[in-house]
PDB file of N, CA and C in Angstrom:
ATOM      1  N   UNK A   1     -23.661 -11.432 -17.718  1.00  0.00           N
ATOM      2  CA  UNK A   1     -22.401 -11.557 -17.029  1.00  0.00           C
ATOM      3  C   UNK A   1     -21.767 -10.165 -16.916  1.00  0.00           C
ATOM      4  N   UNK A   2     -21.325  -9.830 -15.726  1.00  0.00           N
ATOM      5  CA  UNK A   2     -20.773  -8.500 -15.493  1.00  0.00           C
ATOM      6  C   UNK A   2     -19.349  -8.386 -16.048  1.00  0.00           C
ATOM      7  N   UNK A   3     -18.922  -7.153 -16.206  1.00  0.00           N
ATOM      8  CA  UNK A   3     -17.582  -6.889 -16.715  1.00  0.00           C
ATOM      9  C   UNK A   3     -16.518  -7.479 -15.790  1.00  0.00           C
ATOM     10  N   UNK A   4     -16.727  -7.346 -14.490  1.00  0.00           N
ATOM     11  CA  UNK A   4     -15.757  -7.867 -13.535  1.00  0.00           C
ATOM     12  C   UNK A   4     -15.650  -9.389 -13.619  1.00  0.00           C
ATOM     13  N   UNK A   5     -16.754 -10.065 -13.834  1.00  0.00           N
ATOM     14  CA  UNK A   5     -16.733 -11.523 -13.974  1.00  0.00           C
ATOM     15  C   UNK A   5     -15.990 -11.938 -15.240  1.00  0.00           C
ATOM     16  N   UNK A   6     -16.223 -11.206 -16.323  1.00  0.00           N
ATOM     17  CA  UNK A   6     -15.503 -11.520 -17.571  1.00  0.00           C
ATOM     18  C   UNK A   6     -14.008 -11.272 -17.419  1.00  0.00           C
ATOM     19  N   UNK A   7     -13.654 -10.176 -16.760  1.00  0.00           N
ATOM     20  CA  UNK A   7     -12.235  -9.898 -16.525  1.00  0.00           C
ATOM     21  C   UNK A   7     -11.597 -10.959 -15.635  1.00  0.00           C
ATOM     22  N   UNK A   8     -12.358 -11.410 -14.642  1.00  0.00           N
ATOM     23  CA  UNK A   8     -11.830 -12.436 -13.745  1.00  0.00           C
ATOM     24  C   UNK A   8     -11.592 -13.754 -14.482  1.00  0.00           C
ATOM     25  N   UNK A   9     -12.480 -14.103 -15.365  1.00  0.00           N
ATOM     26  CA  UNK A   9     -12.289 -15.336 -16.145  1.00  0.00           C
ATOM     27  C   UNK A   9     -11.069 -15.242 -17.053  1.00  0.00           C
ATOM     28  N   UNK A  10     -10.845 -14.066 -17.588  1.00  0.00           N
ATOM     29  CA  UNK A  10      -9.734 -13.900 -18.530  1.00  0.00           C
ATOM     30  C   UNK A  10      -8.388 -13.671 -17.848  1.00  0.00           C
ATOM     31  N   UNK A  11      -8.384 -12.858 -16.784  1.00  0.00           N
ATOM     32  CA  UNK A  11      -7.125 -12.471 -16.146  1.00  0.00           C
ATOM     33  C   UNK A  11      -6.988 -12.953 -14.706  1.00  0.00           C
ATOM     34  N   UNK A  12      -7.904 -13.750 -14.225  1.00  0.00           N
ATOM     35  CA  UNK A  12      -7.895 -14.190 -12.830  1.00  0.00           C
ATOM     36  C   UNK A  12      -6.638 -14.920 -12.418  1.00  0.00           C
ATOM     37  N   UNK A  13      -6.007 -15.606 -13.339  1.00  0.00           N
ATOM     38  CA  UNK A  13      -4.794 -16.367 -12.994  1.00  0.00           C
ATOM     39  C   UNK A  13      -3.612 -15.445 -12.692  1.00  0.00           C
ATOM     40  N   UNK A  14      -3.708 -14.174 -13.057  1.00  0.00           N
ATOM     41  CA  UNK A  14      -2.620 -13.223 -12.808  1.00  0.00           C
ATOM     42  C   UNK A  14      -2.778 -12.470 -11.481  1.00  0.00           C
ATOM     43  N   UNK A  15      -3.841 -12.732 -10.763  1.00  0.00           N
ATOM     44  CA  UNK A  15      -4.077 -12.040  -9.492  1.00  0.00           C
ATOM     45  C   UNK A  15      -3.034 -12.464  -8.464  1.00  0.00           C
ATOM     46  N   UNK A  16      -2.537 -11.502  -7.720  1.00  0.00           N
ATOM     47  CA  UNK A  16      -1.509 -11.759  -6.705  1.00  0.00           C
ATOM     48  C   UNK A  16      -2.180 -12.105  -5.376  1.00  0.00           C
ATOM     49  N   UNK A  17      -1.937 -13.306  -4.854  1.00  0.00           N
ATOM     50  CA  UNK A  17      -2.537 -13.669  -3.569  1.00  0.00           C
ATOM     51  C   UNK A  17      -1.788 -13.024  -2.406  1.00  0.00           C
ATOM     52  N   UNK A  18      -2.476 -12.884  -1.293  1.00  0.00           N
ATOM     53  CA  UNK A  18      -1.891 -12.385  -0.044  1.00  0.00           C
ATOM     54  C   UNK A  18      -1.245 -11.010  -0.170  1.00  0.00           C
ATOM     55  N   UNK A  19      -1.871 -10.122  -0.901  1.00  0.00           N
ATOM     56  CA  UNK A  19      -1.346  -8.770  -1.072  1.00  0.00           C
ATOM     57  C   UNK A  19      -1.344  -8.029   0.261  1.00  0.00           C
ATOM     58  N   UNK A  20      -2.301  -8.309   1.105  1.00  0.00           N
ATOM     59  CA  UNK A  20      -2.379  -7.646   2.402  1.00  0.00           C
ATOM     60  C   UNK A  20      -1.125  -7.908   3.221  1.00  0.00           C
ATOM     61  N   UNK A  21      -0.653  -9.123   3.213  1.00  0.00           N
ATOM     62  CA  UNK A  21       0.547  -9.467   3.978  1.00  0.00           C
ATOM     63  C   UNK A  21       1.762  -8.749   3.413  1.00  0.00           C
ATOM     64  N   UNK A  22       1.862  -8.658   2.107  1.00  0.00           N
ATOM     65  CA  UNK A  22       2.981  -7.946   1.477  1.00  0.00           C
ATOM     66  C   UNK A  22       2.959  -6.474   1.877  1.00  0.00           C
ATOM     67  N   UNK A  23       1.785  -5.861   1.856  1.00  0.00           N
ATOM     68  CA  UNK A  23       1.668  -4.458   2.241  1.00  0.00           C
ATOM     69  C   UNK A  23       2.025  -4.245   3.714  1.00  0.00           C
ATOM     70  N   UNK A  24       1.581  -5.140   4.570  1.00  0.00           N
ATOM     71  CA  UNK A  24       1.881  -5.015   5.998  1.00  0.00           C
ATOM     72  C   UNK A  24       3.377  -5.185   6.253  1.00  0.00           C
ATOM     73  N   UNK A  25       3.993  -6.187   5.640  1.00  0.00           N
ATOM     74  CA  UNK A  25       5.427  -6.399   5.825  1.00  0.00           C
ATOM     75  C   UNK A  25       6.221  -5.181   5.337  1.00  0.00           C
ATOM     76  N   UNK A  26       5.838  -4.631   4.188  1.00  0.00           N
ATOM     77  CA  UNK A  26       6.506  -3.438   3.680  1.00  0.00           C
ATOM     78  C   UNK A  26       6.352  -2.251   4.615  1.00  0.00           C
ATOM     79  N   UNK A  27       5.156  -2.082   5.180  1.00  0.00           N
ATOM     80  CA  UNK A  27       4.928  -0.980   6.107  1.00  0.00           C
ATOM     81  C   UNK A  27       5.701  -1.172   7.408  1.00  0.00           C
ATOM     82  N   UNK A  28       5.752  -2.399   7.905  1.00  0.00           N
ATOM     83  CA  UNK A  28       6.509  -2.663   9.135  1.00  0.00           C
ATOM     84  C   UNK A  28       7.988  -2.396   8.910  1.00  0.00           C
ATOM     85  N   UNK A  29       8.521  -2.829   7.780  1.00  0.00           N
ATOM     86  CA  UNK A  29       9.936  -2.587   7.482  1.00  0.00           C
ATOM     87  C   UNK A  29      10.236  -1.090   7.388  1.00  0.00           C
ATOM     88  N   UNK A  30       9.370  -0.340   6.747  1.00  0.00           N
ATOM     89  CA  UNK A  30       9.564   1.113   6.657  1.00  0.00           C
ATOM     90  C   UNK A  30       9.428   1.768   8.023  1.00  0.00           C
ATOM     91  N   UNK A  31       8.500   1.282   8.832  1.00  0.00           N
ATOM     92  CA  UNK A  31       8.313   1.817  10.178  1.00  0.00           C
ATOM     93  C   UNK A  31       9.573   1.602  11.016  1.00  0.00           C
ATOM     94  N   UNK A  32      10.116   0.377  10.965  1.00  0.00           N
ATOM     95  CA  UNK A  32      11.334   0.073  11.718  1.00  0.00           C
ATOM     96  C   UNK A  32      12.528   0.849  11.180  1.00  0.00           C
ATOM     97  N   UNK A  33      12.641   0.963   9.869  1.00  0.00           N
ATOM     98  CA  UNK A  33      13.740   1.726   9.278  1.00  0.00           C
ATOM     99  C   UNK A  33      13.664   3.182   9.699  1.00  0.00           C
ATOM    100  N   UNK A  34      12.467   3.716   9.798  1.00  0.00           N
ATOM    101  CA  UNK A  34      12.301   5.108  10.228  1.00  0.00           C
ATOM    102  C   UNK A  34      12.691   5.274  11.694  1.00  0.00           C
ATOM    103  N   UNK A  35      12.328   4.313  12.533  1.00  0.00           N
ATOM    104  CA  UNK A  35      12.698   4.382  13.947  1.00  0.00           C
ATOM    105  C   UNK A  35      14.209   4.338  14.107  1.00  0.00           C
ATOM    106  N   UNK A  36      14.870   3.424  13.382  1.00  0.00           N
ATOM    107  CA  UNK A  36      16.321   3.306  13.493  1.00  0.00           C
ATOM    108  C   UNK A  36      17.030   4.512  12.880  1.00  0.00           C
ATOM    109  N   UNK A  37      16.463   5.087  11.838  1.00  0.00           N
ATOM    110  CA  UNK A  37      17.066   6.282  11.234  1.00  0.00           C
ATOM    111  C   UNK A  37      16.965   7.467  12.197  1.00  0.00           C
ATOM    112  N   UNK A  38      15.820   7.594  12.875  1.00  0.00           N
ATOM    113  CA  UNK A  38      15.665   8.669  13.856  1.00  0.00           C
ATOM    114  C   UNK A  38      16.636   8.491  15.017  1.00  0.00           C
ATOM    115  N   UNK A  39      16.834   7.243  15.443  1.00  0.00           N
ATOM    116  CA  UNK A  39      17.746   6.978  16.563  1.00  0.00           C
ATOM    117  C   UNK A  39      19.190   7.266  16.163  1.00  0.00           C
ATOM    118  N   UNK A  40      19.519   7.059  14.894  1.00  0.00           N
ATOM    119  CA  UNK A  40      20.877   7.301  14.420  1.00  0.00           C
ATOM    120  C   UNK A  40      21.121   8.718  13.962  1.00  0.00           C
ATOM    121  N   UNK A  41      20.107   9.557  14.054  1.00  0.00           N
ATOM    122  CA  UNK A  41      20.250  10.955  13.656  1.00  0.00           C
ATOM    123  C   UNK A  41      20.234  11.173  12.156  1.00  0.00           C
ATOM    124  N   UNK A  42      19.744  10.196  11.394  1.00  0.00           N
ATOM    125  CA  UNK A  42      19.679  10.328   9.933  1.00  0.00           C
ATOM    126  C   UNK A  42      18.325  10.899   9.524  1.00  0.00           C
ATOM    127  N   UNK A  43      18.209  11.225   8.239  1.00  0.00           N
ATOM    128  CA  UNK A  43      16.945  11.751   7.708  1.00  0.00           C
ATOM    129  C   UNK A  43      15.865  10.671   7.761  1.00  0.00           C
ATOM    130  N   UNK A  44      14.644  11.090   7.884  1.00  0.00           N
ATOM    131  CA  UNK A  44      13.516  10.170   7.983  1.00  0.00           C
ATOM    132  C   UNK A  44      13.343   9.374   6.690  1.00  0.00           C
ATOM    133  N   UNK A  45      13.128   8.084   6.848  1.00  0.00           N
ATOM    134  CA  UNK A  45      12.875   7.205   5.704  1.00  0.00           C
ATOM    135  C   UNK A  45      11.526   7.546   5.078  1.00  0.00           C
ATOM    136  N   UNK A  46      10.574   7.912   5.913  1.00  0.00           N
ATOM    137  CA  UNK A  46       9.224   8.193   5.422  1.00  0.00           C
ATOM    138  C   UNK A  46       9.180   9.425   4.530  1.00  0.00           C
ATOM    139  N   UNK A  47      10.094  10.351   4.748  1.00  0.00           N
ATOM    140  CA  UNK A  47      10.147  11.526   3.884  1.00  0.00           C
ATOM    141  C   UNK A  47      10.646  11.180   2.480  1.00  0.00           C
ATOM    142  N   UNK A  48      11.304  10.051   2.345  1.00  0.00           N
ATOM    143  CA  UNK A  48      11.817   9.627   1.032  1.00  0.00           C
ATOM    144  C   UNK A  48      10.820   8.786   0.240  1.00  0.00           C
ATOM    145  N   UNK A  49       9.743   8.321   0.896  1.00  0.00           N
ATOM    146  CA  UNK A  49       8.819   7.437   0.175  1.00  0.00           C
ATOM    147  C   UNK A  49       7.426   8.029  -0.020  1.00  0.00           C
ATOM    148  N   UNK A  50       7.076   9.098   0.682  1.00  0.00           N
ATOM    149  CA  UNK A  50       5.720   9.626   0.547  1.00  0.00           C
ATOM    150  C   UNK A  50       5.499  10.210  -0.845  1.00  0.00           C
ATOM    151  N   UNK A  51       4.259  10.221  -1.267  1.00  0.00           N
ATOM    152  CA  UNK A  51       3.899  10.656  -2.616  1.00  0.00           C
ATOM    153  C   UNK A  51       3.787  12.168  -2.676  1.00  0.00           C
ATOM    154  N   UNK A  52       4.786  12.799  -3.272  1.00  0.00           N
ATOM    155  CA  UNK A  52       4.813  14.253  -3.431  1.00  0.00           C
ATOM    156  C   UNK A  52       4.909  14.548  -4.924  1.00  0.00           C
ATOM    157  N   UNK A  53       3.853  15.090  -5.526  1.00  0.00           N
ATOM    158  CA  UNK A  53       3.853  15.315  -6.972  1.00  0.00           C
ATOM    159  C   UNK A  53       5.018  16.161  -7.475  1.00  0.00           C
ATOM    160  N   UNK A  54       5.380  17.205  -6.742  1.00  0.00           N
ATOM    161  CA  UNK A  54       6.471  18.060  -7.211  1.00  0.00           C
ATOM    162  C   UNK A  54       7.803  17.313  -7.220  1.00  0.00           C
ATOM    163  N   UNK A  55       7.991  16.368  -6.313  1.00  0.00           N
ATOM    164  CA  UNK A  55       9.227  15.579  -6.310  1.00  0.00           C
ATOM    165  C   UNK A  55       9.214  14.505  -7.402  1.00  0.00           C
ATOM    166  N   UNK A  56       8.038  13.968  -7.682  1.00  0.00           N
ATOM    167  CA  UNK A  56       7.927  12.998  -8.778  1.00  0.00           C
ATOM    168  C   UNK A  56       8.248  13.678 -10.101  1.00  0.00           C
ATOM    169  N   UNK A  57       7.762  14.899 -10.263  1.00  0.00           N
ATOM    170  CA  UNK A  57       8.026  15.642 -11.507  1.00  0.00           C
ATOM    171  C   UNK A  57       9.502  16.026 -11.632  1.00  0.00           C
ATOM    172  N   UNK A  58      10.221  16.051 -10.515  1.00  0.00           N
ATOM    173  CA  UNK A  58      11.655  16.349 -10.554  1.00  0.00           C
ATOM    174  C   UNK A  58      12.488  15.092 -10.797  1.00  0.00           C
ATOM    175  N   UNK A  59      11.843  13.937 -10.962  1.00  0.00           N
ATOM    176  CA  UNK A  59      12.562  12.721 -11.306  1.00  0.00           C
ATOM    177  C   UNK A  59      12.533  11.624 -10.264  1.00  0.00           C
ATOM    178  N   UNK A  60      11.926  11.848  -9.124  1.00  0.00           N
ATOM    179  CA  UNK A  60      11.854  10.821  -8.084  1.00  0.00           C
ATOM    180  C   UNK A  60      10.620   9.938  -8.321  1.00  0.00           C
ATOM    181  N   UNK A  61      10.679   9.179  -9.382  1.00  0.00           N
ATOM    182  CA  UNK A  61       9.533   8.410  -9.861  1.00  0.00           C
ATOM    183  C   UNK A  61       9.184   7.255  -8.928  1.00  0.00           C
ATOM    184  N   UNK A  62      10.148   6.774  -8.144  1.00  0.00           N
ATOM    185  CA  UNK A  62       9.891   5.656  -7.247  1.00  0.00           C
ATOM    186  C   UNK A  62       8.794   5.964  -6.239  1.00  0.00           C
ATOM    187  N   UNK A  63       8.535   7.224  -5.999  1.00  0.00           N
ATOM    188  CA  UNK A  63       7.524   7.610  -5.016  1.00  0.00           C
ATOM    189  C   UNK A  63       6.118   7.159  -5.430  1.00  0.00           C
ATOM    190  N   UNK A  64       5.908   6.946  -6.716  1.00  0.00           N
ATOM    191  CA  UNK A  64       4.595   6.491  -7.182  1.00  0.00           C
ATOM    192  C   UNK A  64       4.312   5.075  -6.680  1.00  0.00           C
ATOM    193  N   UNK A  65       5.358   4.298  -6.446  1.00  0.00           N
ATOM    194  CA  UNK A  65       5.198   2.925  -5.962  1.00  0.00           C
ATOM    195  C   UNK A  65       5.407   2.828  -4.460  1.00  0.00           C
ATOM    196  N   UNK A  66       6.403   3.512  -3.934  1.00  0.00           N
ATOM    197  CA  UNK A  66       6.776   3.311  -2.532  1.00  0.00           C
ATOM    198  C   UNK A  66       5.796   3.905  -1.529  1.00  0.00           C
ATOM    199  N   UNK A  67       4.946   4.813  -1.963  1.00  0.00           N
ATOM    200  CA  UNK A  67       4.034   5.423  -0.994  1.00  0.00           C
ATOM    201  C   UNK A  67       3.050   4.406  -0.411  1.00  0.00           C
ATOM    202  N   UNK A  68       2.818   3.295  -1.096  1.00  0.00           N
ATOM    203  CA  UNK A  68       1.897   2.288  -0.556  1.00  0.00           C
ATOM    204  C   UNK A  68       2.470   1.597   0.681  1.00  0.00           C
ATOM    205  N   UNK A  69       3.778   1.749   0.899  1.00  0.00           N
ATOM    206  CA  UNK A  69       4.404   1.158   2.076  1.00  0.00           C
ATOM    207  C   UNK A  69       4.588   2.174   3.198  1.00  0.00           C
ATOM    208  N   UNK A  70       3.999   3.344   3.073  1.00  0.00           N
ATOM    209  CA  UNK A  70       4.134   4.363   4.108  1.00  0.00           C
ATOM    210  C   UNK A  70       3.268   3.979   5.311  1.00  0.00           C
ATOM    211  N   UNK A  71       3.908   3.714   6.441  1.00  0.00           N
ATOM    212  CA  UNK A  71       3.155   3.297   7.622  1.00  0.00           C
ATOM    213  C   UNK A  71       2.549   4.496   8.338  1.00  0.00           C
ATOM    214  N   UNK A  72       1.644   4.231   9.249  1.00  0.00           N
ATOM    215  CA  UNK A  72       1.089   5.333  10.035  1.00  0.00           C
ATOM    216  C   UNK A  72       2.139   5.858  11.006  1.00  0.00           C
ATOM    217  N   UNK A  73       2.134   7.139  11.238  1.00  0.00           N
ATOM    218  CA  UNK A  73       3.082   7.748  12.197  1.00  0.00           C
ATOM    219  C   UNK A  73       2.395   7.838  13.555  1.00  0.00           C
ATOM    220  N   UNK A  74       2.332   6.706  14.210  1.00  0.00           N
ATOM    221  CA  UNK A  74       1.678   6.637  15.511  1.00  0.00           C
ATOM    222  C   UNK A  74       2.530   5.805  16.453  1.00  0.00           C
ATOM    223  N   UNK A  75       2.111   5.769  17.692  1.00  0.00           N
ATOM    224  CA  UNK A  75       2.750   4.971  18.732  1.00  0.00           C
ATOM    225  C   UNK A  75       2.860   3.515  18.264  1.00  0.00           C
ATOM    226  N   UNK A  76       3.947   2.808  18.575  1.00  0.00           N
ATOM    227  CA  UNK A  76       4.098   1.414  18.133  1.00  0.00           C
ATOM    228  C   UNK A  76       2.963   0.483  18.561  1.00  0.00           C
ATOM    229  N   UNK A  77       2.389   0.728  19.717  1.00  0.00           N
ATOM    230  CA  UNK A  77       1.282  -0.123  20.160  1.00  0.00           C
ATOM    231  C   UNK A  77       0.075   0.063  19.242  1.00  0.00           C
ATOM    232  N   UNK A  78      -0.241   1.312  18.931  1.00  0.00           N
ATOM    233  CA  UNK A  78      -1.363   1.573  18.040  1.00  0.00           C
ATOM    234  C   UNK A  78      -1.052   1.122  16.608  1.00  0.00           C
ATOM    235  N   UNK A  79       0.204   1.222  16.212  1.00  0.00           N
ATOM    236  CA  UNK A  79       0.602   0.736  14.892  1.00  0.00           C
ATOM    237  C   UNK A  79       0.373  -0.768  14.795  1.00  0.00           C
ATOM    238  N   UNK A  80       0.694  -1.492  15.868  1.00  0.00           N
ATOM    239  CA  UNK A  80       0.450  -2.935  15.879  1.00  0.00           C
ATOM    240  C   UNK A  80      -1.030  -3.224  15.674  1.00  0.00           C
ATOM    241  N   UNK A  81      -1.913  -2.521  16.384  1.00  0.00           N
ATOM    242  CA  UNK A  81      -3.356  -2.726  16.220  1.00  0.00           C
ATOM    243  C   UNK A  81      -3.819  -2.336  14.819  1.00  0.00           C
ATOM    244  N   UNK A  82      -3.233  -1.282  14.271  1.00  0.00           N
ATOM    245  CA  UNK A  82      -3.538  -0.868  12.901  1.00  0.00           C
ATOM    246  C   UNK A  82      -3.242  -2.009  11.928  1.00  0.00           C
ATOM    247  N   UNK A  83      -2.032  -2.566  12.047  1.00  0.00           N
ATOM    248  CA  UNK A  83      -1.654  -3.655  11.137  1.00  0.00           C
ATOM    249  C   UNK A  83      -2.469  -4.913  11.386  1.00  0.00           C
ATOM    250  N   UNK A  84      -2.828  -5.174  12.628  1.00  0.00           N
ATOM    251  CA  UNK A  84      -3.650  -6.335  12.941  1.00  0.00           C
ATOM    252  C   UNK A  84      -5.034  -6.197  12.298  1.00  0.00           C
ATOM    253  N   UNK A  85      -5.644  -5.015  12.440  1.00  0.00           N
ATOM    254  CA  UNK A  85      -6.949  -4.796  11.815  1.00  0.00           C
ATOM    255  C   UNK A  85      -6.849  -4.808  10.292  1.00  0.00           C
ATOM    256  N   UNK A  86      -5.787  -4.241   9.770  1.00  0.00           N
ATOM    257  CA  UNK A  86      -5.553  -4.269   8.321  1.00  0.00           C
ATOM    258  C   UNK A  86      -5.470  -5.717   7.842  1.00  0.00           C
ATOM    259  N   UNK A  87      -4.768  -6.565   8.591  1.00  0.00           N
ATOM    260  CA  UNK A  87      -4.657  -7.982   8.241  1.00  0.00           C
ATOM    261  C   UNK A  87      -6.031  -8.654   8.293  1.00  0.00           C
ATOM    262  N   UNK A  88      -6.778  -8.401   9.368  1.00  0.00           N
ATOM    263  CA  UNK A  88      -8.098  -9.024   9.494  1.00  0.00           C
ATOM    264  C   UNK A  88      -9.036  -8.608   8.364  1.00  0.00           C
ATOM    265  N   UNK A  89      -9.119  -7.297   8.115  1.00  0.00           N
ATOM    266  CA  UNK A  89     -10.012  -6.820   7.061  1.00  0.00           C
ATOM    267  C   UNK A  89      -9.556  -7.284   5.684  1.00  0.00           C
ATOM    268  N   UNK A  90      -8.267  -7.163   5.413  1.00  0.00           N
ATOM    269  CA  UNK A  90      -7.741  -7.520   4.091  1.00  0.00           C
ATOM    270  C   UNK A  90      -7.902  -8.990   3.757  1.00  0.00           C
ATOM    271  N   UNK A  91      -7.547  -9.853   4.695  1.00  0.00           N
ATOM    272  CA  UNK A  91      -7.663 -11.291   4.415  1.00  0.00           C
ATOM    273  C   UNK A  91      -9.128 -11.719   4.338  1.00  0.00           C
ATOM    274  N   UNK A  92      -9.986 -11.079   5.133  1.00  0.00           N
ATOM    275  CA  UNK A  92     -11.414 -11.402   5.063  1.00  0.00           C
ATOM    276  C   UNK A  92     -11.999 -10.963   3.723  1.00  0.00           C
ATOM    277  N   UNK A  93     -11.632  -9.774   3.276  1.00  0.00           N
ATOM    278  CA  UNK A  93     -12.130  -9.309   1.977  1.00  0.00           C
ATOM    279  C   UNK A  93     -11.615 -10.201   0.852  1.00  0.00           C
ATOM    280  N   UNK A  94     -10.350 -10.606   0.931  1.00  0.00           N
ATOM    281  CA  UNK A  94      -9.789 -11.461  -0.117  1.00  0.00           C
ATOM    282  C   UNK A  94     -10.466 -12.828  -0.132  1.00  0.00           C
ATOM    283  N   UNK A  95     -10.751 -13.385   1.035  1.00  0.00           N
ATOM    284  CA  UNK A  95     -11.401 -14.696   1.060  1.00  0.00           C
ATOM    285  C   UNK A  95     -12.878 -14.614   0.668  1.00  0.00           C
ATOM    286  N   UNK A  96     -13.514 -13.474   0.947  1.00  0.00           N
ATOM    287  CA  UNK A  96     -14.928 -13.317   0.594  1.00  0.00           C
ATOM    288  C   UNK A  96     -15.108 -12.980  -0.882  1.00  0.00           C
ATOM    289  N   UNK A  97     -14.381 -11.998  -1.361  1.00  0.00           N
ATOM    290  CA  UNK A  97     -14.511 -11.555  -2.746  1.00  0.00           C
ATOM    291  C   UNK A  97     -13.744 -12.427  -3.722  1.00  0.00           C
ATOM    292  N   UNK A  98     -12.649 -12.984  -3.276  1.00  0.00           N
ATOM    293  CA  UNK A  98     -11.744 -13.695  -4.162  1.00  0.00           C
ATOM    294  C   UNK A  98     -10.511 -12.823  -4.415  1.00  0.00           C
ATOM    295  N   UNK A  99      -9.436 -13.480  -4.774  1.00  0.00           N
ATOM    296  CA  UNK A  99      -8.165 -12.781  -4.942  1.00  0.00           C
ATOM    297  C   UNK A  99      -8.217 -11.748  -6.057  1.00  0.00           C
ATOM    298  N   UNK A 100      -8.819 -12.091  -7.178  1.00  0.00           N
ATOM    299  CA  UNK A 100      -8.858 -11.165  -8.308  1.00  0.00           C
ATOM    300  C   UNK A 100      -9.632  -9.892  -7.966  1.00  0.00           C
ATOM    301  N   UNK A 101     -10.807 -10.051  -7.400  1.00  0.00           N
ATOM    302  CA  UNK A 101     -11.634  -8.876  -7.088  1.00  0.00           C
ATOM    303  C   UNK A 101     -10.988  -8.008  -6.016  1.00  0.00           C
ATOM    304  N   UNK A 102     -10.322  -8.627  -5.065  1.00  0.00           N
ATOM    305  CA  UNK A 102      -9.613  -7.855  -4.043  1.00  0.00           C
ATOM    306  C   UNK A 102      -8.449  -7.081  -4.671  1.00  0.00           C
ATOM    307  N   UNK A 103      -7.741  -7.710  -5.595  1.00  0.00           N
ATOM    308  CA  UNK A 103      -6.665  -7.018  -6.315  1.00  0.00           C
ATOM    309  C   UNK A 103      -7.214  -5.837  -7.109  1.00  0.00           C
ATOM    310  N   UNK A 104      -8.343  -6.010  -7.752  1.00  0.00           N
ATOM    311  CA  UNK A 104      -8.962  -4.914  -8.506  1.00  0.00           C
ATOM    312  C   UNK A 104      -9.335  -3.775  -7.555  1.00  0.00           C
ATOM    313  N   UNK A 105      -9.902  -4.112  -6.413  1.00  0.00           N
ATOM    314  CA  UNK A 105     -10.261  -3.116  -5.405  1.00  0.00           C
ATOM    315  C   UNK A 105      -9.034  -2.308  -4.972  1.00  0.00           C
ATOM    316  N   UNK A 106      -7.946  -2.991  -4.666  1.00  0.00           N
ATOM    317  CA  UNK A 106      -6.732  -2.302  -4.229  1.00  0.00           C
ATOM    318  C   UNK A 106      -6.121  -1.471  -5.352  1.00  0.00           C
ATOM    319  N   UNK A 107      -6.139  -1.984  -6.563  1.00  0.00           N
ATOM    320  CA  UNK A 107      -5.555  -1.243  -7.684  1.00  0.00           C
ATOM    321  C   UNK A 107      -6.367   0.007  -8.027  1.00  0.00           C
ATOM    322  N   UNK A 108      -7.677  -0.077  -7.909  1.00  0.00           N
ATOM    323  CA  UNK A 108      -8.501   1.114  -8.143  1.00  0.00           C
ATOM    324  C   UNK A 108      -8.216   2.158  -7.066  1.00  0.00           C
ATOM    325  N   UNK A 109      -8.097   1.719  -5.826  1.00  0.00           N
ATOM    326  CA  UNK A 109      -7.757   2.639  -4.750  1.00  0.00           C
ATOM    327  C   UNK A 109      -6.386   3.258  -4.935  1.00  0.00           C
ATOM    328  N   UNK A 110      -5.422   2.461  -5.383  1.00  0.00           N
ATOM    329  CA  UNK A 110      -4.070   2.951  -5.653  1.00  0.00           C
ATOM    330  C   UNK A 110      -4.097   4.001  -6.768  1.00  0.00           C
ATOM    331  N   UNK A 111      -4.743   3.663  -7.873  1.00  0.00           N
ATOM    332  CA  UNK A 111      -4.795   4.582  -9.016  1.00  0.00           C
ATOM    333  C   UNK A 111      -5.542   5.866  -8.656  1.00  0.00           C
ATOM    334  N   UNK A 112      -6.628   5.742  -7.913  1.00  0.00           N
ATOM    335  CA  UNK A 112      -7.387   6.931  -7.506  1.00  0.00           C
ATOM    336  C   UNK A 112      -6.548   7.832  -6.604  1.00  0.00           C
ATOM    337  N   UNK A 113      -5.771   7.244  -5.728  1.00  0.00           N
ATOM    338  CA  UNK A 113      -4.903   8.040  -4.844  1.00  0.00           C
ATOM    339  C   UNK A 113      -3.857   8.819  -5.644  1.00  0.00           C
ATOM    340  N   UNK A 114      -3.271   8.163  -6.624  1.00  0.00           N
ATOM    341  CA  UNK A 114      -2.274   8.845  -7.455  1.00  0.00           C
ATOM    342  C   UNK A 114      -2.917   9.967  -8.258  1.00  0.00           C
ATOM    343  N   UNK A 115      -4.064   9.706  -8.855  1.00  0.00           N
ATOM    344  CA  UNK A 115      -4.749  10.713  -9.661  1.00  0.00           C
ATOM    345  C   UNK A 115      -5.151  11.910  -8.812  1.00  0.00           C
ATOM    346  N   UNK A 116      -5.704  11.658  -7.645  1.00  0.00           N
ATOM    347  CA  UNK A 116      -6.136  12.752  -6.766  1.00  0.00           C
ATOM    348  C   UNK A 116      -4.925  13.563  -6.288  1.00  0.00           C
ATOM    349  N   UNK A 117      -3.842  12.880  -5.965  1.00  0.00           N
ATOM    350  CA  UNK A 117      -2.653  13.584  -5.497  1.00  0.00           C
ATOM    351  C   UNK A 117      -2.083  14.491  -6.575  1.00  0.00           C
ATOM    352  N   UNK A 118      -2.042  14.012  -7.805  1.00  0.00           N
ATOM    353  CA  UNK A 118      -1.515  14.823  -8.885  1.00  0.00           C
ATOM    354  C   UNK A 118      -2.516  15.874  -9.348  1.00  0.00           C
ATOM    355  N   UNK A 119      -3.789  15.708  -9.008  1.00  0.00           N
ATOM    356  CA  UNK A 119      -4.806  16.670  -9.424  1.00  0.00           C
ATOM    357  C   UNK A 119      -4.922  17.869  -8.507  1.00  0.00           C
ATOM    358  N   UNK A 120      -4.203  17.869  -7.416  1.00  0.00           N
ATOM    359  CA  UNK A 120      -4.305  18.993  -6.472  1.00  0.00           C
ATOM    360  C   UNK A 120      -3.521  20.182  -6.922  1.00  0.00           C
TER     361      UNK A 120
END
């Protein structure tokens, strides 16, 4: 029995379902907030959530979590296709692998991104 199977048996009930939808909704909200902030002449919302190690070290710890909601800075039409493909791939992976394994996949990617960013 593999390590992942043993972990799934022990902690599988704690896996968060539909994480892809949560990520997409968060990205859409940030995208819209950035558009409205630009229209109102305010500072960009995306500049406040991106993962910048020097700002995290200065006390802006929320950036370690909020960067996962940073949407692509592209045309709204292409952003829609981005989120549509993200939804298709994410829900397919979750239904194929199972919720726990998909959560592990996303968490490893999240942790690796933070480690690489701080390692530069």
